[in-house]
Amino acid sequence: MKILYAGDSEAGGSANYLLGILQSLRAEVVHIPPSQKLSPSLFKKRFDAILLSDFPRKQTPASSEQAILDQAAEGSGFLMIGGWGSFSGPFGGWRGSLIEKLLPVTCLNRDDRIHLPGGAWILKGDSPPKRGQSPALFQSLDFKNPPVICGLNQIRPKKNGLVLLSAKRLQDRKNFPLLVIDRNPARRIATLATDLAPHWSGGLLDWGKKRIKLPVRKGIQIEVGDFYVRFVTNLIKWLCSGDLEPRYATEELEGLDRLHEEEKKKGWIRFRTAKDVDNLFK
């Protein structure tokens, strides 16, 4: 599984959450923090999925935007995750871009941040997807006791956008689109209007019945809820069309195996394949 992940921070900051899950799935990850340009040369290789999270448009040359569209047309998954550097956030600027044309939502012509100090529940959307549009994204997740988030980007679904999750503000019960995918089952294009890291993510990080520790790199780990891991894992699996087998050279695997032995001594959990993730939730 080859992933291009652009955004959030360097390892050691808010990027830890996605990096921890991708590391546990043993994905081959290229991570570009928002302080760096998203170079067109990166797209000489094909990615199974491309993730933009809090990554500003000013760091994305037009040629790189076109390269993302080209890879999506060839079958790569694409996900924009919410934040101040996403959609029409103050550091985003994605309205009117090529990327916006790819998205199943429209970016607002103003600052789109919605702060939710009183919280908002994450709820399933009103329209169930047709077969093949969203394979088991919510498998084994408990929406009877939904997590509460603290912020999101306000987005407007296009005609081809299918709202799978919404956020219901506790204060006045107003609904906001949260997880929107393309209605075309052949296109794995999605937007998640909240963040997968603090602070907007709120209780989403702790959602679940078990606590799970995931290594990011030596000396860095995250601790999150098992439903959070399941939700993000399912989303990544869908973006990558279920291709979760590791693709490492022999010398890389030997190095990782040594690291795994150290992690076992510390009581950390590592997932080698999607089956390992599934077994955790049985």
C-alpha atoms as a PDB file:
ATOM      1  CA  MET A   1       0.000   0.000   0.000  1.00  0.00           C
ATOM      2  CA  LYS A   2       1.625   3.229  -1.183  1.00  0.00           C
ATOM      3  CA  ILE A   3       0.380   6.429   0.427  1.00  0.00           C
ATOM      4  CA  LEU A   4       1.219  10.080  -0.164  1.00  0.00           C
ATOM      5  CA  TYR A   5       0.340  11.952   3.016  1.00  0.00           C
ATOM      6  CA  ALA A   6       0.751  15.724   2.838  1.00  0.00           C
ATOM      7  CA  GLY A   7       0.082  17.895   5.850  1.00  0.00           C
ATOM      8  CA  ASP A   8      -0.397  18.375   9.589  1.00  0.00           C
ATOM      9  CA  SER A   9       3.199  18.592  10.856  1.00  0.00           C
ATOM     10  CA  GLU A  10       6.558  16.925  11.004  1.00  0.00           C
ATOM     11  CA  ALA A  11       6.613  13.560  12.791  1.00  0.00           C
ATOM     12  CA  GLY A  12       6.383  14.315  16.489  1.00  0.00           C
ATOM     13  CA  GLY A  13       3.421  16.686  16.127  1.00  0.00           C
ATOM     14  CA  SER A  14      -0.180  16.342  15.005  1.00  0.00           C
ATOM     15  CA  ALA A  15       0.896  14.106  12.104  1.00  0.00           C
ATOM     16  CA  ASN A  16       1.575  11.358  14.660  1.00  0.00           C
ATOM     17  CA  TYR A  17      -2.017  10.126  14.545  1.00  0.00           C
ATOM     18  CA  LEU A  18      -2.177   9.317  10.845  1.00  0.00           C
ATOM     19  CA  LEU A  19       1.459   8.240  10.773  1.00  0.00           C
ATOM     20  CA  GLY A  20       0.846   5.834  13.646  1.00  0.00           C
ATOM     21  CA  ILE A  21      -2.030   4.123  11.878  1.00  0.00           C
ATOM     22  CA  LEU A  22      -0.255   4.030   8.517  1.00  0.00           C
ATOM     23  CA  GLN A  23       2.858   2.636  10.202  1.00  0.00           C
ATOM     24  CA  SER A  24       0.795  -0.085  11.870  1.00  0.00           C
ATOM     25  CA  LEU A  25      -0.689  -1.048   8.513  1.00  0.00           C
ATOM     26  CA  ARG A  26       2.881  -1.187   7.205  1.00  0.00           C
ATOM     27  CA  ALA A  27       2.065   1.206   4.403  1.00  0.00           C
ATOM     28  CA  GLU A  28       4.837   2.648   2.280  1.00  0.00           C
ATOM     29  CA  VAL A  29       4.371   6.306   3.199  1.00  0.00           C
ATOM     30  CA  VAL A  30       5.731   9.497   1.680  1.00  0.00           C
ATOM     31  CA  HIS A  31       4.989  12.252   4.209  1.00  0.00           C
ATOM     32  CA  ILE A  32       5.287  15.919   3.243  1.00  0.00           C
ATOM     33  CA  PRO A  33       4.789  18.392   6.132  1.00  0.00           C
ATOM     34  CA  PRO A  34       3.034  21.703   5.333  1.00  0.00           C
ATOM     35  CA  SER A  35       6.326  23.578   5.576  1.00  0.00           C
ATOM     36  CA  GLN A  36       7.444  21.913   2.314  1.00  0.00           C
ATOM     37  CA  LYS A  37       6.227  22.201  -1.272  1.00  0.00           C
ATOM     38  CA  LEU A  38       4.313  19.289  -2.795  1.00  0.00           C
ATOM     39  CA  SER A  39       6.754  18.747  -5.631  1.00  0.00           C
ATOM     40  CA  PRO A  40       5.504  17.488  -9.027  1.00  0.00           C
ATOM     41  CA  SER A  41       8.413  15.015  -9.032  1.00  0.00           C
ATOM     42  CA  LEU A  42       6.672  13.044  -6.259  1.00  0.00           C
ATOM     43  CA  PHE A  43       4.039  11.923  -8.738  1.00  0.00           C
ATOM     44  CA  LYS A  44       6.463  10.038 -10.952  1.00  0.00           C
ATOM     45  CA  LYS A  45       5.413   7.061  -8.856  1.00  0.00           C
ATOM     46  CA  ARG A  46       1.826   5.885  -8.576  1.00  0.00           C
ATOM     47  CA  PHE A  47       0.129   6.058  -5.159  1.00  0.00           C
ATOM     48  CA  ASP A  48      -2.767   3.899  -4.004  1.00  0.00           C
ATOM     49  CA  ALA A  49      -4.120   6.882  -2.069  1.00  0.00           C
ATOM     50  CA  ILE A  50      -3.311  10.562  -1.585  1.00  0.00           C
ATOM     51  CA  LEU A  51      -4.188  12.289   1.707  1.00  0.00           C
ATOM     52  CA  LEU A  52      -4.216  16.070   2.171  1.00  0.00           C
ATOM     53  CA  SER A  53      -4.674  17.130   5.795  1.00  0.00           C
ATOM     54  CA  ASP A  54      -4.202  20.747   6.838  1.00  0.00           C
ATOM     55  CA  PHE A  55      -2.060  21.253   3.754  1.00  0.00           C
ATOM     56  CA  PRO A  56      -2.280  24.751   2.177  1.00  0.00           C
ATOM     57  CA  ARG A  57      -2.837  25.309  -1.498  1.00  0.00           C
ATOM     58  CA  LYS A  58       0.089  27.765  -1.641  1.00  0.00           C
ATOM     59  CA  GLN A  59       2.411  24.788  -1.068  1.00  0.00           C
ATOM     60  CA  THR A  60       0.879  22.914  -4.000  1.00  0.00           C
ATOM     61  CA  PRO A  61       2.006  23.947  -7.505  1.00  0.00           C
ATOM     62  CA  ALA A  62      -0.616  23.772 -10.247  1.00  0.00           C
ATOM     63  CA  SER A  63       1.336  20.945 -11.871  1.00  0.00           C
ATOM     64  CA  SER A  64       1.054  18.932  -8.654  1.00  0.00           C
ATOM     65  CA  GLU A  65      -2.687  19.570  -8.507  1.00  0.00           C
ATOM     66  CA  GLN A  66      -2.984  18.269 -12.060  1.00  0.00           C
ATOM     67  CA  ALA A  67      -0.877  15.243 -11.168  1.00  0.00           C
ATOM     68  CA  ILE A  68      -3.276  14.432  -8.308  1.00  0.00           C
ATOM     69  CA  LEU A  69      -6.224  14.647 -10.716  1.00  0.00           C
ATOM     70  CA  ASP A  70      -4.403  12.385 -13.157  1.00  0.00           C
ATOM     71  CA  GLN A  71      -3.700   9.767 -10.499  1.00  0.00           C
ATOM     72  CA  ALA A  72      -7.321   9.908  -9.291  1.00  0.00           C
ATOM     73  CA  ALA A  73      -8.483   9.366 -12.887  1.00  0.00           C
ATOM     74  CA  GLU A  74      -6.259   6.276 -13.000  1.00  0.00           C
ATOM     75  CA  GLY A  75      -7.855   4.829  -9.866  1.00  0.00           C
ATOM     76  CA  SER A  76      -5.964   6.279  -6.903  1.00  0.00           C
ATOM     77  CA  GLY A  77      -7.991   7.215  -3.838  1.00  0.00           C
ATOM     78  CA  PHE A  78      -8.040  10.808  -2.617  1.00  0.00           C
ATOM     79  CA  LEU A  79      -9.055  12.257   0.743  1.00  0.00           C
ATOM     80  CA  MET A  80      -9.032  15.830   2.027  1.00  0.00           C
ATOM     81  CA  ILE A  81      -9.156  15.996   5.839  1.00  0.00           C
ATOM     82  CA  GLY A  82     -10.375  19.103   7.639  1.00  0.00           C
ATOM     83  CA  GLY A  83      -8.392  21.780   9.414  1.00  0.00           C
ATOM     84  CA  TRP A  84      -7.322  25.398   9.233  1.00  0.00           C
ATOM     85  CA  GLY A  85      -5.230  24.574   6.134  1.00  0.00           C
ATOM     86  CA  SER A  86      -8.001  22.641   4.357  1.00  0.00           C
ATOM     87  CA  PHE A  87     -10.950  23.645   2.167  1.00  0.00           C
ATOM     88  CA  SER A  88     -11.571  27.407   2.774  1.00  0.00           C
ATOM     89  CA  GLY A  89      -9.802  27.596   6.123  1.00  0.00           C
ATOM     90  CA  PRO A  90      -7.577  30.672   6.713  1.00  0.00           C
ATOM     91  CA  PHE A  91      -4.500  28.747   5.491  1.00  0.00           C
ATOM     92  CA  GLY A  92      -6.332  26.530   2.983  1.00  0.00           C
ATOM     93  CA  GLY A  93      -7.360  28.525  -0.051  1.00  0.00           C
ATOM     94  CA  TRP A  94      -8.642  25.528  -2.024  1.00  0.00           C
ATOM     95  CA  ARG A  95     -11.704  27.292  -3.470  1.00  0.00           C
ATOM     96  CA  GLY A  96     -11.403  27.598  -7.244  1.00  0.00           C
ATOM     97  CA  SER A  97      -8.577  25.062  -7.432  1.00  0.00           C
ATOM     98  CA  LEU A  98      -8.241  21.956  -9.569  1.00  0.00           C
ATOM     99  CA  ILE A  99      -8.473  19.942  -6.349  1.00  0.00           C
ATOM    100  CA  GLU A 100     -11.888  21.466  -5.599  1.00  0.00           C
ATOM    101  CA  LYS A 101     -13.082  20.202  -8.992  1.00  0.00           C
ATOM    102  CA  LEU A 102     -12.066  16.707  -7.894  1.00  0.00           C
ATOM    103  CA  LEU A 103     -13.866  16.900  -4.538  1.00  0.00           C
ATOM    104  CA  PRO A 104     -17.504  15.822  -4.025  1.00  0.00           C
ATOM    105  CA  VAL A 105     -18.034  19.127  -2.168  1.00  0.00           C
ATOM    106  CA  THR A 106     -17.761  22.861  -2.845  1.00  0.00           C
ATOM    107  CA  CYS A 107     -15.501  25.088  -0.757  1.00  0.00           C
ATOM    108  CA  LEU A 108     -17.117  28.258   0.612  1.00  0.00           C
ATOM    109  CA  ASN A 109     -16.085  31.733  -0.572  1.00  0.00           C
ATOM    110  CA  ARG A 110     -15.282  32.733   3.023  1.00  0.00           C
ATOM    111  CA  ASP A 111     -13.562  31.349   6.106  1.00  0.00           C
ATOM    112  CA  ASP A 112     -15.405  28.053   6.572  1.00  0.00           C
ATOM    113  CA  ARG A 113     -14.360  27.141  10.119  1.00  0.00           C
ATOM    114  CA  ILE A 114     -17.136  26.100  12.501  1.00  0.00           C
ATOM    115  CA  HIS A 115     -15.968  25.993  16.115  1.00  0.00           C
ATOM    116  CA  LEU A 116     -18.043  23.732  18.326  1.00  0.00           C
ATOM    117  CA  PRO A 117     -17.151  24.447  21.982  1.00  0.00           C
ATOM    118  CA  GLY A 118     -20.354  22.649  23.058  1.00  0.00           C
ATOM    119  CA  GLY A 119     -19.546  19.717  20.780  1.00  0.00           C
ATOM    120  CA  ALA A 120     -21.291  17.908  17.914  1.00  0.00           C
ATOM    121  CA  TRP A 121     -22.189  14.226  17.638  1.00  0.00           C
ATOM    122  CA  ILE A 122     -20.949  12.199  14.672  1.00  0.00           C
ATOM    123  CA  LEU A 123     -23.983  10.503  13.118  1.00  0.00           C
ATOM    124  CA  LYS A 124     -24.605   8.411  10.031  1.00  0.00           C
ATOM    125  CA  GLY A 125     -25.942  10.272   7.015  1.00  0.00           C
ATOM    126  CA  ASP A 126     -29.607  10.103   5.999  1.00  0.00           C
ATOM    127  CA  SER A 127     -29.027   8.471   2.611  1.00  0.00           C
ATOM    128  CA  PRO A 128     -27.666   4.898   2.682  1.00  0.00           C
ATOM    129  CA  PRO A 129     -25.063   4.303  -0.046  1.00  0.00           C
ATOM    130  CA  LYS A 130     -25.676   1.889  -2.877  1.00  0.00           C
ATOM    131  CA  ARG A 131     -23.752  -1.348  -2.988  1.00  0.00           C
ATOM    132  CA  GLY A 132     -20.100  -0.770  -3.825  1.00  0.00           C
ATOM    133  CA  GLN A 133     -20.067   2.904  -2.844  1.00  0.00           C
ATOM    134  CA  SER A 134     -18.775   2.499   0.710  1.00  0.00           C
ATOM    135  CA  PRO A 135     -17.666  -1.044   1.590  1.00  0.00           C
ATOM    136  CA  ALA A 136     -17.942  -1.663   5.343  1.00  0.00           C
ATOM    137  CA  LEU A 137     -16.672   1.785   6.327  1.00  0.00           C
ATOM    138  CA  PHE A 138     -18.662   1.604   9.544  1.00  0.00           C
ATOM    139  CA  GLN A 139     -18.201  -2.085  10.321  1.00  0.00           C
ATOM    140  CA  SER A 140     -18.037  -2.772  14.084  1.00  0.00           C
ATOM    141  CA  LEU A 141     -18.483   0.914  15.003  1.00  0.00           C
ATOM    142  CA  ASP A 142     -20.956   1.929  17.702  1.00  0.00           C
ATOM    143  CA  PHE A 143     -22.990   4.948  16.602  1.00  0.00           C
ATOM    144  CA  LYS A 144     -25.439   4.443  19.479  1.00  0.00           C
ATOM    145  CA  ASN A 145     -22.733   6.080  21.594  1.00  0.00           C
ATOM    146  CA  PRO A 146     -21.194   8.490  19.057  1.00  0.00           C
ATOM    147  CA  PRO A 147     -18.080  10.564  19.702  1.00  0.00           C
ATOM    148  CA  VAL A 148     -18.222  14.348  19.977  1.00  0.00           C
ATOM    149  CA  ILE A 149     -16.033  16.598  17.826  1.00  0.00           C
ATOM    150  CA  CYS A 150     -15.123  20.229  18.552  1.00  0.00           C
ATOM    151  CA  GLY A 151     -14.812  21.772  15.097  1.00  0.00           C
ATOM    152  CA  LEU A 152     -15.058  21.311  11.344  1.00  0.00           C
ATOM    153  CA  ASN A 153     -14.942  23.011   7.963  1.00  0.00           C
ATOM    154  CA  GLN A 154     -18.339  23.905   6.538  1.00  0.00           C
ATOM    155  CA  ILE A 155     -18.622  22.294   3.111  1.00  0.00           C
ATOM    156  CA  ARG A 156     -21.436  21.996   0.567  1.00  0.00           C
ATOM    157  CA  PRO A 157     -21.964  18.594  -1.094  1.00  0.00           C
ATOM    158  CA  LYS A 158     -22.165  18.654  -4.882  1.00  0.00           C
ATOM    159  CA  LYS A 159     -24.783  16.659  -6.810  1.00  0.00           C
ATOM    160  CA  ASN A 160     -22.293  13.810  -7.030  1.00  0.00           C
ATOM    161  CA  GLY A 161     -21.582  13.980  -3.291  1.00  0.00           C
ATOM    162  CA  LEU A 162     -23.025  11.380  -0.925  1.00  0.00           C
ATOM    163  CA  VAL A 163     -23.101  12.310   2.777  1.00  0.00           C
ATOM    164  CA  LEU A 164     -22.152   9.238   4.806  1.00  0.00           C
ATOM    165  CA  LEU A 165     -21.603  11.022   8.134  1.00  0.00           C
ATOM    166  CA  SER A 166     -22.863  14.295   9.534  1.00  0.00           C
ATOM    167  CA  ALA A 167     -22.118  16.291  12.673  1.00  0.00           C
ATOM    168  CA  LYS A 168     -25.102  17.349  14.801  1.00  0.00           C
ATOM    169  CA  ARG A 169     -24.340  20.389  16.960  1.00  0.00           C
ATOM    170  CA  LEU A 170     -25.519  19.734  20.505  1.00  0.00           C
ATOM    171  CA  GLN A 171     -26.439  23.364  21.083  1.00  0.00           C
ATOM    172  CA  ASP A 172     -29.182  23.625  18.441  1.00  0.00           C
ATOM    173  CA  ARG A 173     -29.175  20.189  16.730  1.00  0.00           C
ATOM    174  CA  LYS A 174     -28.025  21.723  13.422  1.00  0.00           C
ATOM    175  CA  ASN A 175     -26.469  19.203  11.029  1.00  0.00           C
ATOM    176  CA  PHE A 176     -23.239  19.734   9.076  1.00  0.00           C
ATOM    177  CA  PRO A 177     -21.897  17.388   6.340  1.00  0.00           C
ATOM    178  CA  LEU A 178     -18.881  15.540   7.703  1.00  0.00           C
ATOM    179  CA  LEU A 179     -17.833  12.562   5.559  1.00  0.00           C
ATOM    180  CA  VAL A 180     -18.791  12.969   1.893  1.00  0.00           C
ATOM    181  CA  ILE A 181     -17.794  10.583  -0.892  1.00  0.00           C
ATOM    182  CA  ASP A 182     -18.273  10.579  -4.659  1.00  0.00           C
ATOM    183  CA  ARG A 183     -21.475   8.777  -5.675  1.00  0.00           C
ATOM    184  CA  ASN A 184     -19.630   7.068  -8.518  1.00  0.00           C
ATOM    185  CA  PRO A 185     -18.546   3.683  -7.056  1.00  0.00           C
ATOM    186  CA  ALA A 186     -15.586   3.650  -9.457  1.00  0.00           C
ATOM    187  CA  ARG A 187     -14.142   6.792  -7.826  1.00  0.00           C
ATOM    188  CA  ARG A 188     -12.699   6.618  -4.303  1.00  0.00           C
ATOM    189  CA  ILE A 189     -12.781  10.356  -3.613  1.00  0.00           C
ATOM    190  CA  ALA A 190     -13.761  11.604  -0.159  1.00  0.00           C
ATOM    191  CA  THR A 191     -13.742  14.582   2.172  1.00  0.00           C
ATOM    192  CA  LEU A 192     -13.716  14.498   5.971  1.00  0.00           C
ATOM    193  CA  ALA A 193     -14.593  17.948   7.284  1.00  0.00           C
ATOM    194  CA  THR A 194     -13.087  17.524  10.751  1.00  0.00           C
ATOM    195  CA  ASP A 195      -9.534  16.726  11.799  1.00  0.00           C
ATOM    196  CA  LEU A 196      -8.066  13.358  12.778  1.00  0.00           C
ATOM    197  CA  ALA A 197      -5.791  15.055  15.339  1.00  0.00           C
ATOM    198  CA  PRO A 198      -6.430  17.488  18.215  1.00  0.00           C
ATOM    199  CA  HIS A 199      -8.128  19.774  18.820  1.00  0.00           C
ATOM    200  CA  TRP A 200     -11.076  19.612  16.412  1.00  0.00           C
ATOM    201  CA  SER A 201     -11.190  15.829  16.651  1.00  0.00           C
ATOM    202  CA  GLY A 202     -12.349  16.096  20.282  1.00  0.00           C
ATOM    203  CA  GLY A 203     -13.569  12.737  21.573  1.00  0.00           C
ATOM    204  CA  LEU A 204     -13.098  11.023  18.197  1.00  0.00           C
ATOM    205  CA  LEU A 205      -9.536  10.112  19.206  1.00  0.00           C
ATOM    206  CA  ASP A 206     -10.783   8.304  22.319  1.00  0.00           C
ATOM    207  CA  TRP A 207     -13.780   6.629  20.680  1.00  0.00           C
ATOM    208  CA  GLY A 208     -14.077   2.957  21.571  1.00  0.00           C
ATOM    209  CA  LYS A 209     -13.976   0.380  24.339  1.00  0.00           C
ATOM    210  CA  LYS A 210     -10.225  -0.299  24.402  1.00  0.00           C
ATOM    211  CA  ARG A 211      -7.106   1.827  24.494  1.00  0.00           C
ATOM    212  CA  ILE A 212      -4.516   1.114  21.811  1.00  0.00           C
ATOM    213  CA  LYS A 213      -0.900   2.251  21.697  1.00  0.00           C
ATOM    214  CA  LEU A 214       0.639   2.604  18.262  1.00  0.00           C
ATOM    215  CA  PRO A 215       4.282   3.426  17.515  1.00  0.00           C
ATOM    216  CA  VAL A 216       5.076   6.276  15.161  1.00  0.00           C
ATOM    217  CA  ARG A 217       8.837   6.042  15.246  1.00  0.00           C
ATOM    218  CA  LYS A 218      11.400   5.159  17.892  1.00  0.00           C
ATOM    219  CA  GLY A 219      10.522   7.022  21.077  1.00  0.00           C
ATOM    220  CA  ILE A 220       7.161   8.310  19.753  1.00  0.00           C
ATOM    221  CA  GLN A 221       3.771   6.646  20.128  1.00  0.00           C
ATOM    222  CA  ILE A 222       0.087   7.533  20.215  1.00  0.00           C
ATOM    223  CA  GLU A 223      -2.651   6.188  22.493  1.00  0.00           C
ATOM    224  CA  VAL A 224      -6.182   6.194  21.037  1.00  0.00           C
ATOM    225  CA  GLY A 225      -9.517   4.384  21.162  1.00  0.00           C
ATOM    226  CA  ASP A 226     -10.081   1.181  19.223  1.00  0.00           C
ATOM    227  CA  PHE A 227     -13.091   2.545  17.281  1.00  0.00           C
ATOM    228  CA  TYR A 228     -10.957   5.483  16.151  1.00  0.00           C
ATOM    229  CA  VAL A 229      -8.381   3.023  14.802  1.00  0.00           C
ATOM    230  CA  ARG A 230     -11.104   0.977  13.144  1.00  0.00           C
ATOM    231  CA  PHE A 231     -12.724   4.045  11.541  1.00  0.00           C
ATOM    232  CA  VAL A 232      -9.486   5.455  10.113  1.00  0.00           C
ATOM    233  CA  THR A 233      -8.278   2.001   9.061  1.00  0.00           C
ATOM    234  CA  ASN A 234     -11.529   1.258   7.221  1.00  0.00           C
ATOM    235  CA  LEU A 235     -11.351   4.613   5.468  1.00  0.00           C
ATOM    236  CA  ILE A 236      -7.777   3.992   4.336  1.00  0.00           C
ATOM    237  CA  LYS A 237      -8.671   0.460   3.206  1.00  0.00           C
ATOM    238  CA  TRP A 238     -11.496   1.854   1.098  1.00  0.00           C
ATOM    239  CA  LEU A 239      -9.287   4.566  -0.417  1.00  0.00           C
ATOM    240  CA  CYS A 240      -6.720   1.931  -1.365  1.00  0.00           C
ATOM    241  CA  SER A 241      -9.298  -0.557  -2.641  1.00  0.00           C
ATOM    242  CA  GLY A 242      -8.401  -3.081   0.029  1.00  0.00           C
ATOM    243  CA  ASP A 243      -4.728  -3.416  -0.932  1.00  0.00           C
ATOM    244  CA  LEU A 244      -3.125  -3.753   2.503  1.00  0.00           C
ATOM    245  CA  GLU A 245      -0.294  -6.199   2.010  1.00  0.00           C
ATOM    246  CA  PRO A 246       3.182  -4.861   2.869  1.00  0.00           C
ATOM    247  CA  ARG A 247       5.570  -3.889   0.076  1.00  0.00           C
ATOM    248  CA  TYR A 248       8.999  -3.703   1.674  1.00  0.00           C
ATOM    249  CA  ALA A 249      12.422  -4.729   0.495  1.00  0.00           C
ATOM    250  CA  THR A 250      14.053  -7.604   2.435  1.00  0.00           C
ATOM    251  CA  GLU A 251      16.507  -5.351   4.284  1.00  0.00           C
ATOM    252  CA  GLU A 252      13.665  -3.014   5.315  1.00  0.00           C
ATOM    253  CA  LEU A 253      11.646  -5.916   6.671  1.00  0.00           C
ATOM    254  CA  GLU A 254      14.599  -7.161   8.705  1.00  0.00           C
ATOM    255  CA  GLY A 255      14.990  -3.718  10.260  1.00  0.00           C
ATOM    256  CA  LEU A 256      11.283  -3.518  11.021  1.00  0.00           C
ATOM    257  CA  ASP A 257      11.295  -6.988  12.592  1.00  0.00           C
ATOM    258  CA  ARG A 258      13.996  -5.864  15.022  1.00  0.00           C
ATOM    259  CA  LEU A 259      11.916  -2.795  15.846  1.00  0.00           C
ATOM    260  CA  HIS A 260       8.832  -4.996  16.354  1.00  0.00           C
ATOM    261  CA  GLU A 261      10.668  -7.116  18.931  1.00  0.00           C
ATOM    262  CA  GLU A 262      11.520  -3.961  20.895  1.00  0.00           C
ATOM    263  CA  GLU A 263       7.905  -2.845  20.692  1.00  0.00           C
ATOM    264  CA  LYS A 264       6.609  -6.183  21.988  1.00  0.00           C
ATOM    265  CA  LYS A 265       8.736  -5.777  25.100  1.00  0.00           C
ATOM    266  CA  LYS A 266       7.053  -2.408  25.691  1.00  0.00           C
ATOM    267  CA  GLY A 267       3.562  -3.864  25.243  1.00  0.00           C
ATOM    268  CA  TRP A 268       2.833  -2.003  22.013  1.00  0.00           C
ATOM    269  CA  ILE A 269       0.432  -3.372  19.398  1.00  0.00           C
ATOM    270  CA  ARG A 270       1.450  -3.582  15.747  1.00  0.00           C
ATOM    271  CA  PHE A 271      -0.803  -4.611  12.888  1.00  0.00           C
ATOM    272  CA  ARG A 272       0.936  -6.433  10.039  1.00  0.00           C
ATOM    273  CA  THR A 273      -2.110  -6.843   7.770  1.00  0.00           C
ATOM    274  CA  ALA A 274      -5.779  -5.935   7.656  1.00  0.00           C
ATOM    275  CA  LYS A 275      -6.544  -9.339   9.212  1.00  0.00           C
ATOM    276  CA  ASP A 276      -4.566  -8.354  12.306  1.00  0.00           C
ATOM    277  CA  VAL A 277      -6.746  -5.266  12.669  1.00  0.00           C
ATOM    278  CA  ASP A 278      -9.915  -7.335  12.259  1.00  0.00           C
ATOM    279  CA  ASN A 279      -8.786  -9.826  14.910  1.00  0.00           C
ATOM    280  CA  LEU A 280      -8.343  -7.037  17.439  1.00  0.00           C
ATOM    281  CA  PHE A 281     -12.028  -6.161  17.331  1.00  0.00           C
ATOM    282  CA  LYS A 282     -13.443  -9.714  17.586  1.00  0.00           C
END
